């Protein structure tokens, strides 16, 4: 009997100890806050906006720019009409998407072309003029102002890659950009069209 009483007491103590008399509390997940985008992400977005913005501007203005005749074909060889070329560069500057470095690089490119033109027959396809300089293509490939842009940022400089097309056929273009006064601007086209400058 002692054992029965001891066992009953032990079972009662065990059951009492295991009971949870507290009312259950509702557990809510901690509030998640979206972390602010890191500066690199903001810069990547600004770079994509600069590339897309430039091509949106160019699409709207390419016909007008094409009417500025900065290549003179009056002599034995083609020459660069510096006065008209300055007008052309000023129009490109007005886009708001290019840096002074970009304009200097375009000047170097066309001066290098002008030297090569002196060795080319006038009837040949002139070096540097066989494709659209900004599209780096003879034919319009796709909407450049909506293509995927990725960037590799290093301080106030970046290399942006614009990818057009799908998985089966892609066209890839590169651009150097620089950050001036907090704004990303194109500094150089990756398309040299076979001209060293």
C-alpha atoms as a PDB file:
ATOM      1  CA  UNK A   1       0.000   0.000   0.000  1.00  0.00           C
ATOM      2  CA  UNK A   2       2.832   2.287   0.751  1.00  0.00           C
ATOM      3  CA  UNK A   3       4.079   1.730  -2.740  1.00  0.00           C
ATOM      4  CA  UNK A   4       0.693   2.465  -4.251  1.00  0.00           C
ATOM      5  CA  UNK A   5       0.372   5.693  -2.295  1.00  0.00           C
ATOM      6  CA  UNK A   6       3.933   6.704  -3.202  1.00  0.00           C
ATOM      7  CA  UNK A   7       3.340   5.949  -6.883  1.00  0.00           C
ATOM      8  CA  UNK A   8       0.095   7.952  -6.910  1.00  0.00           C
ATOM      9  CA  UNK A   9       1.837  10.880  -5.249  1.00  0.00           C
ATOM     10  CA  UNK A  10       4.680  10.690  -7.739  1.00  0.00           C
ATOM     11  CA  UNK A  11       2.305  10.600 -10.744  1.00  0.00           C
ATOM     12  CA  UNK A  12       0.349  13.603  -9.372  1.00  0.00           C
ATOM     13  CA  UNK A  13       3.519  15.587  -8.897  1.00  0.00           C
ATOM     14  CA  UNK A  14       4.672  14.711 -12.401  1.00  0.00           C
ATOM     15  CA  UNK A  15       1.360  15.692 -13.997  1.00  0.00           C
ATOM     16  CA  UNK A  16       1.209  18.951 -12.032  1.00  0.00           C
ATOM     17  CA  UNK A  17       4.733  19.842 -13.003  1.00  0.00           C
ATOM     18  CA  UNK A  18       4.071  19.182 -16.707  1.00  0.00           C
ATOM     19  CA  UNK A  19       0.932  21.284 -16.852  1.00  0.00           C
ATOM     20  CA  UNK A  20       1.238  24.693 -18.509  1.00  0.00           C
ATOM     21  CA  UNK A  21      -1.179  26.986 -16.747  1.00  0.00           C
ATOM     22  CA  UNK A  22      -0.169  30.063 -18.768  1.00  0.00           C
ATOM     23  CA  UNK A  23      -2.460  31.224 -21.511  1.00  0.00           C
ATOM     24  CA  UNK A  24      -0.815  30.840 -24.894  1.00  0.00           C
ATOM     25  CA  UNK A  25       0.704  34.034 -26.272  1.00  0.00           C
ATOM     26  CA  UNK A  26       0.358  35.005 -29.898  1.00  0.00           C
ATOM     27  CA  UNK A  27       3.761  35.109 -31.462  1.00  0.00           C
ATOM     28  CA  UNK A  28       4.203  37.528 -34.315  1.00  0.00           C
ATOM     29  CA  UNK A  29       7.086  37.596 -36.697  1.00  0.00           C
ATOM     30  CA  UNK A  30       9.405  40.526 -36.159  1.00  0.00           C
ATOM     31  CA  UNK A  31       8.680  43.439 -38.474  1.00  0.00           C
ATOM     32  CA  UNK A  32      10.994  43.350 -41.450  1.00  0.00           C
ATOM     33  CA  UNK A  33      12.209  46.638 -42.768  1.00  0.00           C
ATOM     34  CA  UNK A  34      13.534  47.008 -46.252  1.00  0.00           C
ATOM     35  CA  UNK A  35      17.147  47.991 -46.062  1.00  0.00           C
ATOM     36  CA  UNK A  36      18.011  51.097 -48.014  1.00  0.00           C
ATOM     37  CA  UNK A  37      19.604  50.340 -51.368  1.00  0.00           C
ATOM     38  CA  UNK A  38      23.369  50.410 -51.117  1.00  0.00           C
ATOM     39  CA  UNK A  39      25.154  53.229 -52.938  1.00  0.00           C
ATOM     40  CA  UNK A  40      26.459  50.794 -55.561  1.00  0.00           C
ATOM     41  CA  UNK A  41      22.900  49.766 -56.403  1.00  0.00           C
ATOM     42  CA  UNK A  42      21.829  53.417 -56.687  1.00  0.00           C
ATOM     43  CA  UNK A  43      24.840  54.088 -58.911  1.00  0.00           C
ATOM     44  CA  UNK A  44      24.029  51.054 -61.072  1.00  0.00           C
ATOM     45  CA  UNK A  45      20.505  52.375 -61.569  1.00  0.00           C
ATOM     46  CA  UNK A  46      21.828  55.865 -62.376  1.00  0.00           C
ATOM     47  CA  UNK A  47      24.288  54.378 -64.894  1.00  0.00           C
ATOM     48  CA  UNK A  48      21.526  52.404 -66.619  1.00  0.00           C
ATOM     49  CA  UNK A  49      19.414  55.578 -66.684  1.00  0.00           C
ATOM     50  CA  UNK A  50      22.316  57.508 -68.266  1.00  0.00           C
ATOM     51  CA  UNK A  51      22.829  54.886 -71.000  1.00  0.00           C
ATOM     52  CA  UNK A  52      19.102  54.556 -71.688  1.00  0.00           C
ATOM     53  CA  UNK A  53      18.642  58.328 -71.545  1.00  0.00           C
ATOM     54  CA  UNK A  54      21.412  58.906 -74.061  1.00  0.00           C
ATOM     55  CA  UNK A  55      19.878  56.463 -76.540  1.00  0.00           C
ATOM     56  CA  UNK A  56      16.402  57.874 -76.033  1.00  0.00           C
ATOM     57  CA  UNK A  57      17.853  61.307 -76.837  1.00  0.00           C
ATOM     58  CA  UNK A  58      19.803  59.916 -79.795  1.00  0.00           C
ATOM     59  CA  UNK A  59      16.755  58.146 -81.209  1.00  0.00           C
ATOM     60  CA  UNK A  60      14.861  61.443 -81.165  1.00  0.00           C
ATOM     61  CA  UNK A  61      17.776  63.462 -82.611  1.00  0.00           C
ATOM     62  CA  UNK A  62      19.799  61.172 -84.903  1.00  0.00           C
ATOM     63  CA  UNK A  63      18.160  62.415 -88.093  1.00  0.00           C
ATOM     64  CA  UNK A  64      18.851  66.031 -87.167  1.00  0.00           C
ATOM     65  CA  UNK A  65      22.455  65.203 -86.198  1.00  0.00           C
ATOM     66  CA  UNK A  66      22.928  63.401 -89.509  1.00  0.00           C
ATOM     67  CA  UNK A  67      22.214  66.654 -91.349  1.00  0.00           C
ATOM     68  CA  UNK A  68      25.278  68.308 -89.815  1.00  0.00           C
ATOM     69  CA  UNK A  69      27.800  67.591 -92.552  1.00  0.00           C
ATOM     70  CA  UNK A  70      31.182  67.592 -90.820  1.00  0.00           C
ATOM     71  CA  UNK A  71      32.895  65.449 -93.476  1.00  0.00           C
ATOM     72  CA  UNK A  72      34.044  67.419 -96.506  1.00  0.00           C
ATOM     73  CA  UNK A  73      34.163  65.487 -99.777  1.00  0.00           C
ATOM     74  CA  UNK A  74      35.301  68.349-102.066  1.00  0.00           C
ATOM     75  CA  UNK A  75      38.960  67.375-102.431  1.00  0.00           C
ATOM     76  CA  UNK A  76      40.907  64.312-103.549  1.00  0.00           C
ATOM     77  CA  UNK A  77      40.308  62.753-100.127  1.00  0.00           C
ATOM     78  CA  UNK A  78      37.727  63.279 -97.422  1.00  0.00           C
ATOM     79  CA  UNK A  79      38.561  65.827 -94.742  1.00  0.00           C
ATOM     80  CA  UNK A  80      37.058  66.806 -91.420  1.00  0.00           C
ATOM     81  CA  UNK A  81      35.242  70.151 -91.494  1.00  0.00           C
ATOM     82  CA  UNK A  82      36.297  71.395 -88.050  1.00  0.00           C
ATOM     83  CA  UNK A  83      33.677  74.169 -87.922  1.00  0.00           C
ATOM     84  CA  UNK A  84      30.788  71.794 -88.656  1.00  0.00           C
ATOM     85  CA  UNK A  85      32.299  69.162 -86.388  1.00  0.00           C
ATOM     86  CA  UNK A  86      32.252  71.686 -83.520  1.00  0.00           C
ATOM     87  CA  UNK A  87      28.541  72.318 -84.241  1.00  0.00           C
ATOM     88  CA  UNK A  88      27.941  68.551 -84.165  1.00  0.00           C
ATOM     89  CA  UNK A  89      29.768  68.104 -80.845  1.00  0.00           C
ATOM     90  CA  UNK A  90      27.868  71.011 -79.307  1.00  0.00           C
ATOM     91  CA  UNK A  91      24.581  69.317 -80.202  1.00  0.00           C
ATOM     92  CA  UNK A  92      25.783  66.091 -78.595  1.00  0.00           C
ATOM     93  CA  UNK A  93      26.866  68.050 -75.498  1.00  0.00           C
ATOM     94  CA  UNK A  94      23.333  69.475 -75.208  1.00  0.00           C
ATOM     95  CA  UNK A  95      21.976  65.954 -74.684  1.00  0.00           C
ATOM     96  CA  UNK A  96      23.054  66.231 -71.052  1.00  0.00           C
ATOM     97  CA  UNK A  97      24.249  62.611 -71.056  1.00  0.00           C
ATOM     98  CA  UNK A  98      27.901  63.045 -72.098  1.00  0.00           C
ATOM     99  CA  UNK A  99      30.975  64.341 -70.321  1.00  0.00           C
ATOM    100  CA  UNK A 100      33.714  66.577 -71.643  1.00  0.00           C
ATOM    101  CA  UNK A 101      35.844  63.419 -71.772  1.00  0.00           C
ATOM    102  CA  UNK A 102      33.299  61.872 -74.156  1.00  0.00           C
ATOM    103  CA  UNK A 103      33.530  64.880 -76.493  1.00  0.00           C
ATOM    104  CA  UNK A 104      37.348  64.764 -76.338  1.00  0.00           C
ATOM    105  CA  UNK A 105      37.302  61.053 -77.195  1.00  0.00           C
ATOM    106  CA  UNK A 106      34.970  61.688 -80.147  1.00  0.00           C
ATOM    107  CA  UNK A 107      37.353  64.409 -81.341  1.00  0.00           C
ATOM    108  CA  UNK A 108      40.299  62.005 -81.096  1.00  0.00           C
ATOM    109  CA  UNK A 109      38.314  59.343 -82.962  1.00  0.00           C
ATOM    110  CA  UNK A 110      37.384  61.602 -85.883  1.00  0.00           C
ATOM    111  CA  UNK A 111      40.870  63.142 -86.098  1.00  0.00           C
ATOM    112  CA  UNK A 112      42.300  59.619 -86.336  1.00  0.00           C
ATOM    113  CA  UNK A 113      39.732  58.824 -89.057  1.00  0.00           C
ATOM    114  CA  UNK A 114      40.649  62.000 -90.967  1.00  0.00           C
ATOM    115  CA  UNK A 115      44.298  60.879 -91.073  1.00  0.00           C
ATOM    116  CA  UNK A 116      43.269  57.496 -92.479  1.00  0.00           C
ATOM    117  CA  UNK A 117      40.982  59.156 -95.073  1.00  0.00           C
ATOM    118  CA  UNK A 118      44.090  60.718 -96.611  1.00  0.00           C
ATOM    119  CA  UNK A 119      45.182  57.213 -97.658  1.00  0.00           C
ATOM    120  CA  UNK A 120      41.782  56.030 -98.891  1.00  0.00           C
ATOM    121  CA  UNK A 121      40.304  56.470-102.330  1.00  0.00           C
ATOM    122  CA  UNK A 122      37.287  58.737-102.296  1.00  0.00           C
ATOM    123  CA  UNK A 123      35.027  55.990-103.648  1.00  0.00           C
ATOM    124  CA  UNK A 124      35.934  53.565-100.841  1.00  0.00           C
ATOM    125  CA  UNK A 125      33.790  53.215 -97.764  1.00  0.00           C
ATOM    126  CA  UNK A 126      35.474  55.701 -95.419  1.00  0.00           C
ATOM    127  CA  UNK A 127      36.975  54.443 -92.201  1.00  0.00           C
ATOM    128  CA  UNK A 128      34.779  55.265 -89.229  1.00  0.00           C
ATOM    129  CA  UNK A 129      31.785  56.147 -91.382  1.00  0.00           C
ATOM    130  CA  UNK A 130      30.703  52.647 -92.408  1.00  0.00           C
ATOM    131  CA  UNK A 131      28.280  52.311 -89.467  1.00  0.00           C
ATOM    132  CA  UNK A 132      26.364  54.494 -87.069  1.00  0.00           C
ATOM    133  CA  UNK A 133      28.956  55.710 -84.577  1.00  0.00           C
ATOM    134  CA  UNK A 134      26.703  55.633 -81.519  1.00  0.00           C
ATOM    135  CA  UNK A 135      24.828  52.455 -82.370  1.00  0.00           C
ATOM    136  CA  UNK A 136      28.053  50.758 -83.483  1.00  0.00           C
ATOM    137  CA  UNK A 137      26.046  49.028 -86.177  1.00  0.00           C
ATOM    138  CA  UNK A 138      24.922  49.510 -89.754  1.00  0.00           C
ATOM    139  CA  UNK A 139      21.405  48.515 -88.883  1.00  0.00           C
ATOM    140  CA  UNK A 140      19.293  49.270 -85.867  1.00  0.00           C
ATOM    141  CA  UNK A 141      19.590  46.151 -83.697  1.00  0.00           C
ATOM    142  CA  UNK A 142      16.971  46.742 -80.992  1.00  0.00           C
ATOM    143  CA  UNK A 143      15.754  49.496 -78.731  1.00  0.00           C
ATOM    144  CA  UNK A 144      19.032  50.572 -77.157  1.00  0.00           C
ATOM    145  CA  UNK A 145      17.116  52.676 -74.648  1.00  0.00           C
ATOM    146  CA  UNK A 146      15.568  49.607 -72.978  1.00  0.00           C
ATOM    147  CA  UNK A 147      18.319  46.973 -73.171  1.00  0.00           C
ATOM    148  CA  UNK A 148      19.748  45.389 -70.034  1.00  0.00           C
ATOM    149  CA  UNK A 149      22.584  47.446 -68.527  1.00  0.00           C
ATOM    150  CA  UNK A 150      25.084  46.034 -66.059  1.00  0.00           C
ATOM    151  CA  UNK A 151      27.958  48.000 -64.606  1.00  0.00           C
ATOM    152  CA  UNK A 152      31.321  47.527 -62.953  1.00  0.00           C
ATOM    153  CA  UNK A 153      31.884  50.586 -60.770  1.00  0.00           C
ATOM    154  CA  UNK A 154      35.243  51.763 -59.494  1.00  0.00           C
ATOM    155  CA  UNK A 155      35.066  55.061 -57.610  1.00  0.00           C
ATOM    156  CA  UNK A 156      33.863  57.777 -59.980  1.00  0.00           C
ATOM    157  CA  UNK A 157      34.364  55.596 -63.048  1.00  0.00           C
ATOM    158  CA  UNK A 158      32.369  52.700 -64.442  1.00  0.00           C
ATOM    159  CA  UNK A 159      32.280  50.281 -67.312  1.00  0.00           C
ATOM    160  CA  UNK A 160      28.694  49.700 -68.426  1.00  0.00           C
ATOM    161  CA  UNK A 161      27.590  46.839 -70.645  1.00  0.00           C
ATOM    162  CA  UNK A 162      24.411  47.116 -72.686  1.00  0.00           C
ATOM    163  CA  UNK A 163      22.981  43.770 -73.798  1.00  0.00           C
ATOM    164  CA  UNK A 164      20.384  43.621 -76.551  1.00  0.00           C
ATOM    165  CA  UNK A 165      18.474  40.604 -77.823  1.00  0.00           C
ATOM    166  CA  UNK A 166      17.586  37.276 -76.296  1.00  0.00           C
ATOM    167  CA  UNK A 167      19.431  34.135 -75.283  1.00  0.00           C
ATOM    168  CA  UNK A 168      19.736  32.906 -78.888  1.00  0.00           C
ATOM    169  CA  UNK A 169      21.253  36.095 -80.335  1.00  0.00           C
ATOM    170  CA  UNK A 170      22.760  38.935 -78.346  1.00  0.00           C
ATOM    171  CA  UNK A 171      24.544  42.147 -79.189  1.00  0.00           C
ATOM    172  CA  UNK A 172      26.770  43.549 -76.466  1.00  0.00           C
ATOM    173  CA  UNK A 173      28.023  47.127 -76.286  1.00  0.00           C
ATOM    174  CA  UNK A 174      30.287  48.741 -73.688  1.00  0.00           C
ATOM    175  CA  UNK A 175      30.663  52.299 -72.463  1.00  0.00           C
ATOM    176  CA  UNK A 176      32.955  54.079 -70.043  1.00  0.00           C
ATOM    177  CA  UNK A 177      31.125  56.440 -67.722  1.00  0.00           C
ATOM    178  CA  UNK A 178      32.307  58.936 -65.156  1.00  0.00           C
ATOM    179  CA  UNK A 179      30.558  60.568 -62.260  1.00  0.00           C
ATOM    180  CA  UNK A 180      30.702  64.361 -62.366  1.00  0.00           C
ATOM    181  CA  UNK A 181      28.966  66.506 -59.762  1.00  0.00           C
ATOM    182  CA  UNK A 182      26.972  63.477 -58.619  1.00  0.00           C
ATOM    183  CA  UNK A 183      25.737  62.594 -62.124  1.00  0.00           C
ATOM    184  CA  UNK A 184      26.853  59.646 -64.267  1.00  0.00           C
ATOM    185  CA  UNK A 185      27.802  60.695 -67.818  1.00  0.00           C
ATOM    186  CA  UNK A 186      29.120  58.774 -70.813  1.00  0.00           C
ATOM    187  CA  UNK A 187      32.884  59.177 -71.192  1.00  0.00           C
ATOM    188  CA  UNK A 188      33.730  56.837 -74.072  1.00  0.00           C
ATOM    189  CA  UNK A 189      32.072  54.431 -76.467  1.00  0.00           C
ATOM    190  CA  UNK A 190      33.399  50.882 -76.418  1.00  0.00           C
ATOM    191  CA  UNK A 191      32.998  50.783 -80.188  1.00  0.00           C
ATOM    192  CA  UNK A 192      36.245  51.866 -81.849  1.00  0.00           C
ATOM    193  CA  UNK A 193      35.133  50.743 -85.343  1.00  0.00           C
ATOM    194  CA  UNK A 194      38.687  49.526 -85.967  1.00  0.00           C
ATOM    195  CA  UNK A 195      40.242  52.952 -85.394  1.00  0.00           C
ATOM    196  CA  UNK A 196      43.082  53.368 -82.896  1.00  0.00           C
ATOM    197  CA  UNK A 197      42.848  56.669 -81.047  1.00  0.00           C
END
